[in-house]
Amino acid sequence: MKRNIIQNICAAGFISMATFSACTKNFEKINTPPTSVTTADPGLLMARILRDGTFQESGELPNTKFGSWIQHWAGGPVVPVSRYFEGPDNQVWSQHFTLLRNIIQIKKELSGKEAAPEGRSKLAITEIYEVYLYQRLTDLYGDIPYSDVTTSDKDINRTPKFDRQEDIYPALIAKLDAALARLTVGDQSYGTSDFFYSGNIDKWKKFGNSLKLKLGMRMRYANASLAQKTVTEAMTSPLGLIAANSDNAAVPTFNNAQAENQNPVLRQVTTGSADLRYLANTLVDVLKSYNDPRLPLLAQPVTVNGVATYRGIGVALTDNELSQLIRANYSTANTSTWFSLTFAPIPVYAMTYSDICFYKAEAALLGWGATSTNAQTYFTDGVKAAFALPPYNLSAIPASYEQSVINLDGLTDEQKMEKIGTQKWISLFGRNMEAFAEWRRTGYPKLTPGPNPGSTNGQIPRRAIYSSEEGELNKANLQEAVGRMTNGDSFLSKVWWDKKP
């Protein structure tokens, strides 16, 4: 059934985009010819939103941009941003606002049913995911249009103001709380159009409350009081949190379908550039140093001087270093798992049990909804959950790994955070935007920039640069937002919450 839905969601996306394709005083008349379709099935729209929103975090461009910055992927000369050369990020910006426009269309379709069983929980689920998207967007760019964004297909605002991130976060929490309060078991839901949970409202409660935990923890170093309140509420809520891998928010993939329905990491090898398939040396070296059993399932072995090994390429290399590179001596993603058409299709994840365990371990260290004595259990559970995900499918952690690599005994809280942050970084392979956000927030693992100076004087970027289209269509509001940044609209300006000492 889900495969049939995937085959139909492109049509839903076309319908919704047609609804927002022009902006004139005669908008409604011009865009409603006698034979056009002006309504769309909310289920098909939601299926498209969940699939595209989840898939967009991975694939060739996110891997070689954000994935290179956090040193999972090596990047390369054909992707200048991977070598710290600045450029606007039009695609990610446009992708997010396309998804948000589709959400507006769902709200239009369900208008008048906000309190009725046939619309109440559908709208609540839609708004929970809307919060998820807005958080990801503001985490990448900083200040973004939020309160002024168009909420109607008849009144298009091309010049919305950019809200400050410190204002967006409380607004997102309030919106999330309101949506969670409306979720009602027994209401109509999206059924099989819901790739995450097949319409299971209890699981959406866990997802939404887990999203609240994530929102709260992201503010830890920027607004400690609101962060503590938000995290504690989520940790102690009767709604619960994602509590097992069976609760993971995931979209299925298909190896034998169109490339757009393959896992984006696999699609990188079936349709992408051969020069951009290589792993970064930092990821490979960390896994080697831990004797991590995921390494041979993640990286492709290579033979160098007659010895089989795993070897990543350095990130942000200079022109001279790149000219001397023999790529055959370096590891791509493993061609029997991530890069294999015959391996069992690997789902794409929006949020996982391991994510939540790592947040809970951090919360325990802070005494926010748990005590420090719980930290080790939560941390170990998170690593176990990450090991168990495909393509690793490991049912247990080796005893030596548990006793040394993830043992928190005798460490300071900051040393414990380094272990937690590093394991989270490993587990987020393939989820580049979330990995980039959490690396900036926690500071772990400690990454050394590549040698190429680029536009940043050799510093790892801290944010994405606004779409150049905003400068053409919304210049005054864009300039106001840029004027609030310490280093302007550059890779080196930090978003509001990026404040760890």
Foldseek 3Di string as FASTA:
>chain_A
DLVVLVVPLVVVLVQLCLLQVDDDLCSVVVSCPPPHDNAHDLLSLLLVLLLLVLLVLFAQPNCQALVLLLFFFAHDDVNLNLLVAADFDAPLVVSLVSSVSSLLRSCVNCPPCCQPLARVLQNLLSLLVNLVSVVLVCLFFFFAFDPQQDSDSNDHDLAGFTHGPVVVLVVSLVSLVVSLVRQDPPGDYSASSQQFPRRDSLLSLQVSLLVQLVSLLLQCQQDVVSSLVSNLCSLPPPSHHFAAQNSFRWGFAALPDPLSRARSLQSCQVPHDPVGQFGGQVLQVVCVVLVPLCNVQFKAWAADPNDTDAGGHHTSADPVVVVPDDPSNHIGTHCVFSNDSPHHGAIRTPDGLLNSLLSVLLCQPVVRNHHNVCNLVSLLVSLQRLCCGPPNNDNDDPPVSSVPLQDPPPHDSLVNLQSSLASVLSSCVRSSSVSLSSCLQSVYPPDQFYDNCHPPHRDSFAHHAHNVVCCVRHVVSQVVVQVVFPVGRGRHTHHSSSRDD
